[in-house]
Amino acid sequence: MAAKTPLEKLFDLSGRFIVAQKGDWNHSDWERFLEGIAGLGVTGDSITDEDKRNLGNMLEAGKHFYNRSPAATKRPAARKRAPRTAARPES
């Protein structure tokens, strides 16, 4: 089996990131992702703003499909509390 190209590694890391994060991440998670792909060689010596924009678009597209997947583990919906009823005074 041939070794993966840097692009294949990038797609693999992106998919694993999306699944590990369950389709939800914050800025710190994003920065950690960028650090993880820095050595792949896909973006040359440094990651430019255009690279970041396109990587972000790629992750957002993956998030879309992750959240649409019936196999995705979704967070349970918040349970609605029954409305409180005022106690009726006894007659």
PDB file of N, CA and C in Angstrom:
ATOM      1  N   MET A   1       0.850  -1.177   0.000  1.00  0.00           N
ATOM      2  CA  MET A   1       0.000   0.000   0.000  1.00  0.00           C
ATOM      3  C   MET A   1       0.898   1.243   0.000  1.00  0.00           C
ATOM      4  N   ALA A   2       0.586   2.170  -0.861  1.00  0.00           N
ATOM      5  CA  ALA A   2       1.380   3.388  -0.981  1.00  0.00           C
ATOM      6  C   ALA A   2       1.175   4.284   0.230  1.00  0.00           C
ATOM      7  N   ALA A   3       2.219   5.022   0.565  1.00  0.00           N
ATOM      8  CA  ALA A   3       2.135   5.969   1.677  1.00  0.00           C
ATOM      9  C   ALA A   3       1.139   7.066   1.324  1.00  0.00           C
ATOM     10  N   LYS A   4       0.494   7.584   2.344  1.00  0.00           N
ATOM     11  CA  LYS A   4      -0.471   8.661   2.121  1.00  0.00           C
ATOM     12  C   LYS A   4       0.257   9.943   1.738  1.00  0.00           C
ATOM     13  N   THR A   5      -0.365  10.695   0.838  1.00  0.00           N
ATOM     14  CA  THR A   5       0.162  12.004   0.464  1.00  0.00           C
ATOM     15  C   THR A   5      -0.178  12.991   1.581  1.00  0.00           C
ATOM     16  N   PRO A   6       0.494  14.136   1.610  1.00  0.00           N
ATOM     17  CA  PRO A   6       0.140  15.146   2.621  1.00  0.00           C
ATOM     18  C   PRO A   6      -1.329  15.550   2.566  1.00  0.00           C
ATOM     19  N   LEU A   7      -1.907  15.609   1.377  1.00  0.00           N
ATOM     20  CA  LEU A   7      -3.314  15.973   1.256  1.00  0.00           C
ATOM     21  C   LEU A   7      -4.213  14.896   1.868  1.00  0.00           C
ATOM     22  N   GLU A   8      -3.888  13.634   1.612  1.00  0.00           N
ATOM     23  CA  GLU A   8      -4.661  12.546   2.206  1.00  0.00           C
ATOM     24  C   GLU A   8      -4.557  12.576   3.728  1.00  0.00           C
ATOM     25  N   LYS A   9      -3.381  12.888   4.235  1.00  0.00           N
ATOM     26  CA  LYS A   9      -3.192  12.997   5.686  1.00  0.00           C
ATOM     27  C   LYS A   9      -4.023  14.141   6.248  1.00  0.00           C
ATOM     28  N   LEU A  10      -4.089  15.258   5.513  1.00  0.00           N
ATOM     29  CA  LEU A  10      -4.874  16.413   5.947  1.00  0.00           C
ATOM     30  C   LEU A  10      -6.358  16.048   6.037  1.00  0.00           C
ATOM     31  N   PHE A  11      -6.883  15.368   5.022  1.00  0.00           N
ATOM     32  CA  PHE A  11      -8.286  14.961   5.059  1.00  0.00           C
ATOM     33  C   PHE A  11      -8.537  13.984   6.199  1.00  0.00           C
ATOM     34  N   ASP A  12      -7.609  13.067   6.417  1.00  0.00           N
ATOM     35  CA  ASP A  12      -7.746  12.104   7.503  1.00  0.00           C
ATOM     36  C   ASP A  12      -7.761  12.812   8.856  1.00  0.00           C
ATOM     37  N   LEU A  13      -6.807  13.729   9.076  1.00  0.00           N
ATOM     38  CA  LEU A  13      -6.768  14.480  10.338  1.00  0.00           C
ATOM     39  C   LEU A  13      -8.016  15.331  10.521  1.00  0.00           C
ATOM     40  N   SER A  14      -8.492  15.925   9.441  1.00  0.00           N
ATOM     41  CA  SER A  14      -9.701  16.757   9.517  1.00  0.00           C
ATOM     42  C   SER A  14     -10.897  15.918   9.940  1.00  0.00           C
ATOM     43  N   GLY A  15     -11.062  14.771   9.319  1.00  0.00           N
ATOM     44  CA  GLY A  15     -12.177  13.896   9.667  1.00  0.00           C
ATOM     45  C   GLY A  15     -12.097  13.417  11.103  1.00  0.00           C
ATOM     46  N   ARG A  16     -10.901  13.023  11.544  1.00  0.00           N
ATOM     47  CA  ARG A  16     -10.750  12.561  12.919  1.00  0.00           C
ATOM     48  C   ARG A  16     -11.016  13.692  13.909  1.00  0.00           C
ATOM     49  N   PHE A  17     -10.600  14.922  13.565  1.00  0.00           N
ATOM     50  CA  PHE A  17     -10.846  16.085  14.417  1.00  0.00           C
ATOM     51  C   PHE A  17     -12.347  16.324  14.567  1.00  0.00           C
ATOM     52  N   ILE A  18     -13.064  16.315  13.449  1.00  0.00           N
ATOM     53  CA  ILE A  18     -14.507  16.577  13.469  1.00  0.00           C
ATOM     54  C   ILE A  18     -15.230  15.536  14.315  1.00  0.00           C
ATOM     55  N   VAL A  19     -14.879  14.275  14.126  1.00  0.00           N
ATOM     56  CA  VAL A  19     -15.536  13.202  14.879  1.00  0.00           C
ATOM     57  C   VAL A  19     -15.170  13.272  16.356  1.00  0.00           C
ATOM     58  N   ALA A  20     -13.891  13.496  16.657  1.00  0.00           N
ATOM     59  CA  ALA A  20     -13.458  13.574  18.055  1.00  0.00           C
ATOM     60  C   ALA A  20     -14.145  14.733  18.776  1.00  0.00           C
ATOM     61  N   GLN A  21     -14.371  15.823  18.057  1.00  0.00           N
ATOM     62  CA  GLN A  21     -15.005  17.008  18.641  1.00  0.00           C
ATOM     63  C   GLN A  21     -16.534  16.918  18.594  1.00  0.00           C
ATOM     64  N   LYS A  22     -17.051  15.858  18.012  1.00  0.00           N
ATOM     65  CA  LYS A  22     -18.498  15.671  17.849  1.00  0.00           C
ATOM     66  C   LYS A  22     -19.146  16.859  17.141  1.00  0.00           C
ATOM     67  N   GLY A  23     -18.412  17.381  16.142  1.00  0.00           N
ATOM     68  CA  GLY A  23     -18.953  18.464  15.331  1.00  0.00           C
ATOM     69  C   GLY A  23     -19.040  19.798  16.041  1.00  0.00           C
ATOM     70  N   ASP A  24     -18.291  19.967  17.112  1.00  0.00           N
ATOM     71  CA  ASP A  24     -18.354  21.222  17.873  1.00  0.00           C
ATOM     72  C   ASP A  24     -16.960  21.535  18.420  1.00  0.00           C
ATOM     73  N   TRP A  25     -16.470  22.731  18.150  1.00  0.00           N
ATOM     74  CA  TRP A  25     -15.157  23.111  18.659  1.00  0.00           C
ATOM     75  C   TRP A  25     -15.103  24.601  18.906  1.00  0.00           C
ATOM     76  N   ASN A  26     -14.097  25.000  19.680  1.00  0.00           N
ATOM     77  CA  ASN A  26     -13.902  26.418  19.984  1.00  0.00           C
ATOM     78  C   ASN A  26     -12.574  26.875  19.389  1.00  0.00           C
ATOM     79  N   HIS A  27     -12.204  28.107  19.658  1.00  0.00           N
ATOM     80  CA  HIS A  27     -10.997  28.677  19.055  1.00  0.00           C
ATOM     81  C   HIS A  27      -9.735  27.939  19.502  1.00  0.00           C
ATOM     82  N   SER A  28      -9.674  27.535  20.754  1.00  0.00           N
ATOM     83  CA  SER A  28      -8.508  26.789  21.238  1.00  0.00           C
ATOM     84  C   SER A  28      -8.370  25.462  20.508  1.00  0.00           C
ATOM     85  N   ASP A  29      -9.503  24.796  20.271  1.00  0.00           N
ATOM     86  CA  ASP A  29      -9.489  23.537  19.532  1.00  0.00           C
ATOM     87  C   ASP A  29      -8.995  23.769  18.096  1.00  0.00           C
ATOM     88  N   TRP A  30      -9.459  24.854  17.494  1.00  0.00           N
ATOM     89  CA  TRP A  30      -9.051  25.224  16.133  1.00  0.00           C
ATOM     90  C   TRP A  30      -7.542  25.450  16.083  1.00  0.00           C
ATOM     91  N   GLU A  31      -7.013  26.172  17.032  1.00  0.00           N
ATOM     92  CA  GLU A  31      -5.564  26.431  17.059  1.00  0.00           C
ATOM     93  C   GLU A  31      -4.784  25.134  17.243  1.00  0.00           C
ATOM     94  N   ARG A  32      -5.296  24.234  18.060  1.00  0.00           N
ATOM     95  CA  ARG A  32      -4.650  22.934  18.252  1.00  0.00           C
ATOM     96  C   ARG A  32      -4.666  22.142  16.943  1.00  0.00           C
ATOM     97  N   PHE A  33      -5.763  22.221  16.201  1.00  0.00           N
ATOM     98  CA  PHE A  33      -5.844  21.560  14.898  1.00  0.00           C
ATOM     99  C   PHE A  33      -4.777  22.130  13.958  1.00  0.00           C
ATOM    100  N   LEU A  34      -4.665  23.456  13.914  1.00  0.00           N
ATOM    101  CA  LEU A  34      -3.665  24.083  13.044  1.00  0.00           C
ATOM    102  C   LEU A  34      -2.255  23.643  13.405  1.00  0.00           C
ATOM    103  N   GLU A  35      -1.957  23.542  14.695  1.00  0.00           N
ATOM    104  CA  GLU A  35      -0.640  23.072  15.121  1.00  0.00           C
ATOM    105  C   GLU A  35      -0.406  21.644  14.646  1.00  0.00           C
ATOM    106  N   GLY A  36      -1.448  20.828  14.671  1.00  0.00           N
ATOM    107  CA  GLY A  36      -1.335  19.435  14.279  1.00  0.00           C
ATOM    108  C   GLY A  36      -1.064  19.227  12.801  1.00  0.00           C
ATOM    109  N   ILE A  37      -1.513  20.161  11.969  1.00  0.00           N
ATOM    110  CA  ILE A  37      -1.299  19.999  10.526  1.00  0.00           C
ATOM    111  C   ILE A  37      -0.079  20.769  10.026  1.00  0.00           C
ATOM    112  N   ALA A  38       0.542  21.545  10.888  1.00  0.00           N
ATOM    113  CA  ALA A  38       1.653  22.397  10.463  1.00  0.00           C
ATOM    114  C   ALA A  38       2.782  21.608   9.806  1.00  0.00           C
ATOM    115  N   GLY A  39       3.051  20.411  10.283  1.00  0.00           N
ATOM    116  CA  GLY A  39       4.176  19.646   9.752  1.00  0.00           C
ATOM    117  C   GLY A  39       3.852  18.764   8.563  1.00  0.00           C
ATOM    118  N   LEU A  40       2.632  18.817   8.044  1.00  0.00           N
ATOM    119  CA  LEU A  40       2.257  17.936   6.938  1.00  0.00           C
ATOM    120  C   LEU A  40       2.860  18.337   5.601  1.00  0.00           C
ATOM    121  N   GLY A  41       3.183  19.604   5.448  1.00  0.00           N
ATOM    122  CA  GLY A  41       3.728  20.063   4.178  1.00  0.00           C
ATOM    123  C   GLY A  41       2.687  20.463   3.157  1.00  0.00           C
ATOM    124  N   VAL A  42       1.431  20.453   3.524  1.00  0.00           N
ATOM    125  CA  VAL A  42       0.368  20.833   2.592  1.00  0.00           C
ATOM    126  C   VAL A  42       0.399  22.328   2.323  1.00  0.00           C
ATOM    127  N   THR A  43       0.726  23.102   3.347  1.00  0.00           N
ATOM    128  CA  THR A  43       0.665  24.562   3.226  1.00  0.00           C
ATOM    129  C   THR A  43       2.049  25.198   3.055  1.00  0.00           C
ATOM    130  N   GLY A  44       3.050  24.411   2.780  1.00  0.00           N
ATOM    131  CA  GLY A  44       4.395  24.966   2.661  1.00  0.00           C
ATOM    132  C   GLY A  44       4.989  25.184   4.032  1.00  0.00           C
ATOM    133  N   ASP A  45       5.813  26.217   4.154  1.00  0.00           N
ATOM    134  CA  ASP A  45       6.512  26.476   5.408  1.00  0.00           C
ATOM    135  C   ASP A  45       5.635  27.097   6.482  1.00  0.00           C
ATOM    136  N   SER A  46       4.580  27.791   6.084  1.00  0.00           N
ATOM    137  CA  SER A  46       3.725  28.451   7.067  1.00  0.00           C
ATOM    138  C   SER A  46       2.280  28.412   6.584  1.00  0.00           C
ATOM    139  N   ILE A  47       1.379  28.583   7.524  1.00  0.00           N
ATOM    140  CA  ILE A  47      -0.044  28.587   7.201  1.00  0.00           C
ATOM    141  C   ILE A  47      -0.484  30.032   7.032  1.00  0.00           C
ATOM    142  N   THR A  48      -0.922  30.366   5.833  1.00  0.00           N
ATOM    143  CA  THR A  48      -1.345  31.734   5.540  1.00  0.00           C
ATOM    144  C   THR A  48      -2.799  31.942   5.966  1.00  0.00           C
ATOM    145  N   ASP A  49      -3.229  33.195   5.928  1.00  0.00           N
ATOM    146  CA  ASP A  49      -4.634  33.494   6.231  1.00  0.00           C
ATOM    147  C   ASP A  49      -5.562  32.803   5.238  1.00  0.00           C
ATOM    148  N   GLU A  50      -5.156  32.741   3.969  1.00  0.00           N
ATOM    149  CA  GLU A  50      -5.982  32.056   2.971  1.00  0.00           C
ATOM    150  C   GLU A  50      -6.050  30.556   3.269  1.00  0.00           C
ATOM    151  N   ASP A  51      -4.928  29.976   3.702  1.00  0.00           N
ATOM    152  CA  ASP A  51      -4.928  28.565   4.102  1.00  0.00           C
ATOM    153  C   ASP A  51      -5.915  28.347   5.248  1.00  0.00           C
ATOM    154  N   LYS A  52      -5.867  29.227   6.247  1.00  0.00           N
ATOM    155  CA  LYS A  52      -6.754  29.104   7.408  1.00  0.00           C
ATOM    156  C   LYS A  52      -8.211  29.209   6.996  1.00  0.00           C
ATOM    157  N   ARG A  53      -8.497  30.142   6.102  1.00  0.00           N
ATOM    158  CA  ARG A  53      -9.879  30.311   5.629  1.00  0.00           C
ATOM    159  C   ARG A  53     -10.361  29.036   4.951  1.00  0.00           C
ATOM    160  N   ASN A  54      -9.542  28.474   4.075  1.00  0.00           N
ATOM    161  CA  ASN A  54      -9.942  27.259   3.369  1.00  0.00           C
ATOM    162  C   ASN A  54      -9.995  26.046   4.287  1.00  0.00           C
ATOM    163  N   LEU A  55      -9.088  25.948   5.229  1.00  0.00           N
ATOM    164  CA  LEU A  55      -9.148  24.863   6.214  1.00  0.00           C
ATOM    165  C   LEU A  55     -10.413  24.978   7.058  1.00  0.00           C
ATOM    166  N   GLY A  56     -10.740  26.207   7.453  1.00  0.00           N
ATOM    167  CA  GLY A  56     -11.963  26.438   8.212  1.00  0.00           C
ATOM    168  C   GLY A  56     -13.193  26.037   7.421  1.00  0.00           C
ATOM    169  N   ASN A  57     -13.214  26.383   6.131  1.00  0.00           N
ATOM    170  CA  ASN A  57     -14.339  25.989   5.271  1.00  0.00           C
ATOM    171  C   ASN A  57     -14.445  24.473   5.171  1.00  0.00           C
ATOM    172  N   MET A  58     -13.286  23.804   5.088  1.00  0.00           N
ATOM    173  CA  MET A  58     -13.277  22.349   4.998  1.00  0.00           C
ATOM    174  C   MET A  58     -13.847  21.725   6.277  1.00  0.00           C
ATOM    175  N   LEU A  59     -13.430  22.243   7.424  1.00  0.00           N
ATOM    176  CA  LEU A  59     -13.950  21.724   8.687  1.00  0.00           C
ATOM    177  C   LEU A  59     -15.436  22.007   8.831  1.00  0.00           C
ATOM    178  N   GLU A  60     -15.867  23.190   8.432  1.00  0.00           N
ATOM    179  CA  GLU A  60     -17.293  23.527   8.522  1.00  0.00           C
ATOM    180  C   GLU A  60     -18.127  22.622   7.615  1.00  0.00           C
ATOM    181  N   ALA A  61     -17.603  22.290   6.431  1.00  0.00           N
ATOM    182  CA  ALA A  61     -18.317  21.360   5.546  1.00  0.00           C
ATOM    183  C   ALA A  61     -18.392  19.982   6.202  1.00  0.00           C
ATOM    184  N   GLY A  62     -17.289  19.549   6.811  1.00  0.00           N
ATOM    185  CA  GLY A  62     -17.293  18.269   7.511  1.00  0.00           C
ATOM    186  C   GLY A  62     -18.263  18.271   8.672  1.00  0.00           C
ATOM    187  N   LYS A  63     -18.334  19.391   9.393  1.00  0.00           N
ATOM    188  CA  LYS A  63     -19.280  19.520  10.510  1.00  0.00           C
ATOM    189  C   LYS A  63     -20.713  19.367  10.012  1.00  0.00           C
ATOM    190  N   HIS A  64     -20.997  19.984   8.883  1.00  0.00           N
ATOM    191  CA  HIS A  64     -22.334  19.898   8.304  1.00  0.00           C
ATOM    192  C   HIS A  64     -22.721  18.436   8.083  1.00  0.00           C
ATOM    193  N   PHE A  65     -21.843  17.675   7.437  1.00  0.00           N
ATOM    194  CA  PHE A  65     -22.152  16.282   7.136  1.00  0.00           C
ATOM    195  C   PHE A  65     -22.108  15.407   8.383  1.00  0.00           C
ATOM    196  N   TYR A  66     -21.254  15.733   9.328  1.00  0.00           N
ATOM    197  CA  TYR A  66     -21.232  15.002  10.596  1.00  0.00           C
ATOM    198  C   TYR A  66     -22.578  15.147  11.293  1.00  0.00           C
ATOM    199  N   ASN A  67     -23.078  16.373  11.381  1.00  0.00           N
ATOM    200  CA  ASN A  67     -24.343  16.630  12.073  1.00  0.00           C
ATOM    201  C   ASN A  67     -25.549  16.076  11.326  1.00  0.00           C
ATOM    202  N   ARG A  68     -25.439  15.857  10.023  1.00  0.00           N
ATOM    203  CA  ARG A  68     -26.538  15.280   9.244  1.00  0.00           C
ATOM    204  C   ARG A  68     -26.514  13.766   9.263  1.00  0.00           C
ATOM    205  N   SER A  69     -25.416  13.192   9.696  1.00  0.00           N
ATOM    206  CA  SER A  69     -25.271  11.747   9.685  1.00  0.00           C
ATOM    207  C   SER A  69     -26.129  11.116  10.773  1.00  0.00           C
ATOM    208  N   PRO A  70     -26.947  10.109  10.408  1.00  0.00           N
ATOM    209  CA  PRO A  70     -27.761   9.457  11.438  1.00  0.00           C
ATOM    210  C   PRO A  70     -26.901   8.687  12.439  1.00  0.00           C
ATOM    211  N   ALA A  71     -25.671   8.347  12.052  1.00  0.00           N
ATOM    212  CA  ALA A  71     -24.796   7.602  12.949  1.00  0.00           C
ATOM    213  C   ALA A  71     -24.063   8.506  13.938  1.00  0.00           C
ATOM    214  N   ALA A  72     -24.141   9.808  13.717  1.00  0.00           N
ATOM    215  CA  ALA A  72     -23.431  10.738  14.604  1.00  0.00           C
ATOM    216  C   ALA A  72     -24.035  10.696  15.999  1.00  0.00           C
ATOM    217  N   THR A  73     -23.175  10.716  16.978  1.00  0.00           N
ATOM    218  CA  THR A  73     -23.645  10.756  18.357  1.00  0.00           C
ATOM    219  C   THR A  73     -23.991  12.201  18.659  1.00  0.00           C
ATOM    220  N   LYS A  74     -25.259  12.440  18.834  1.00  0.00           N
ATOM    221  CA  LYS A  74     -25.706  13.807  19.096  1.00  0.00           C
ATOM    222  C   LYS A  74     -25.976  13.978  20.578  1.00  0.00           C
ATOM    223  N   ARG A  75     -25.829  15.176  21.011  1.00  0.00           N
ATOM    224  CA  ARG A  75     -26.150  15.494  22.394  1.00  0.00           C
ATOM    225  C   ARG A  75     -27.655  15.401  22.577  1.00  0.00           C
ATOM    226  N   PRO A  76     -28.086  14.836  23.680  1.00  0.00           N
ATOM    227  CA  PRO A  76     -29.526  14.774  23.894  1.00  0.00           C
ATOM    228  C   PRO A  76     -30.103  16.177  24.044  1.00  0.00           C
ATOM    229  N   ALA A  77     -31.294  16.338  23.532  1.00  0.00           N
ATOM    230  CA  ALA A  77     -31.960  17.635  23.653  1.00  0.00           C
ATOM    231  C   ALA A  77     -32.253  17.909  25.120  1.00  0.00           C
ATOM    232  N   ALA A  78     -32.179  19.170  25.459  1.00  0.00           N
ATOM    233  CA  ALA A  78     -32.483  19.552  26.839  1.00  0.00           C
ATOM    234  C   ALA A  78     -33.939  19.207  27.139  1.00  0.00           C
ATOM    235  N   ARG A  79     -34.149  18.617  28.290  1.00  0.00           N
ATOM    236  CA  ARG A  79     -35.511  18.253  28.666  1.00  0.00           C
ATOM    237  C   ARG A  79     -36.271  19.497  29.081  1.00  0.00           C
ATOM    238  N   LYS A  80     -37.474  19.596  28.572  1.00  0.00           N
ATOM    239  CA  LYS A  80     -38.321  20.726  28.955  1.00  0.00           C
ATOM    240  C   LYS A  80     -38.983  20.389  30.274  1.00  0.00           C
ATOM    241  N   ARG A  81     -38.956  21.353  31.137  1.00  0.00           N
ATOM    242  CA  ARG A  81     -39.612  21.166  32.426  1.00  0.00           C
ATOM    243  C   ARG A  81     -41.089  21.477  32.280  1.00  0.00           C
ATOM    244  N   ALA A  82     -41.875  20.715  32.987  1.00  0.00           N
ATOM    245  CA  ALA A  82     -43.310  20.978  32.993  1.00  0.00           C
ATOM    246  C   ALA A  82     -43.557  22.316  33.673  1.00  0.00           C
ATOM    247  N   PRO A  83     -44.481  23.096  33.159  1.00  0.00           N
ATOM    248  CA  PRO A  83     -44.748  24.388  33.800  1.00  0.00           C
ATOM    249  C   PRO A  83     -45.260  24.174  35.204  1.00  0.00           C
ATOM    250  N   ARG A  84     -44.799  25.053  36.074  1.00  0.00           N
ATOM    251  CA  ARG A  84     -45.261  24.983  37.472  1.00  0.00           C
ATOM    252  C   ARG A  84     -46.678  25.491  37.560  1.00  0.00           C
ATOM    253  N   THR A  85     -47.437  24.805  38.345  1.00  0.00           N
ATOM    254  CA  THR A  85     -48.802  25.266  38.571  1.00  0.00           C
ATOM    255  C   THR A  85     -48.856  25.783  40.002  1.00  0.00           C
ATOM    256  N   ALA A  86     -49.594  26.817  40.154  1.00  0.00           N
ATOM    257  CA  ALA A  86     -49.725  27.393  41.499  1.00  0.00           C
ATOM    258  C   ALA A  86     -50.528  26.444  42.381  1.00  0.00           C
ATOM    259  N   ALA A  87     -50.093  26.319  43.591  1.00  0.00           N
ATOM    260  CA  ALA A  87     -50.818  25.460  44.537  1.00  0.00           C
ATOM    261  C   ALA A  87     -52.171  26.086  44.811  1.00  0.00           C
ATOM    262  N   ARG A  88     -53.184  25.254  44.767  1.00  0.00           N
ATOM    263  CA  ARG A  88     -54.537  25.749  45.018  1.00  0.00           C
ATOM    264  C   ARG A  88     -54.788  25.690  46.526  1.00  0.00           C
ATOM    265  N   PRO A  89     -55.329  26.767  47.053  1.00  0.00           N
ATOM    266  CA  PRO A  89     -55.654  26.740  48.473  1.00  0.00           C
ATOM    267  C   PRO A  89     -56.793  25.773  48.722  1.00  0.00           C
ATOM    268  N   GLU A  90     -56.677  25.059  49.822  1.00  0.00           N
ATOM    269  CA  GLU A  90     -57.748  24.110  50.150  1.00  0.00           C
ATOM    270  C   GLU A  90     -58.951  24.876  50.649  1.00  0.00           C
ATOM    271  N   SER A  91     -60.140  24.410  50.296  1.00  0.00           N
ATOM    272  CA  SER A  91     -61.367  25.084  50.724  1.00  0.00           C
ATOM    273  C   SER A  91     -61.927  24.447  51.944  1.00  0.00           C
TER     274      SER A  91
END
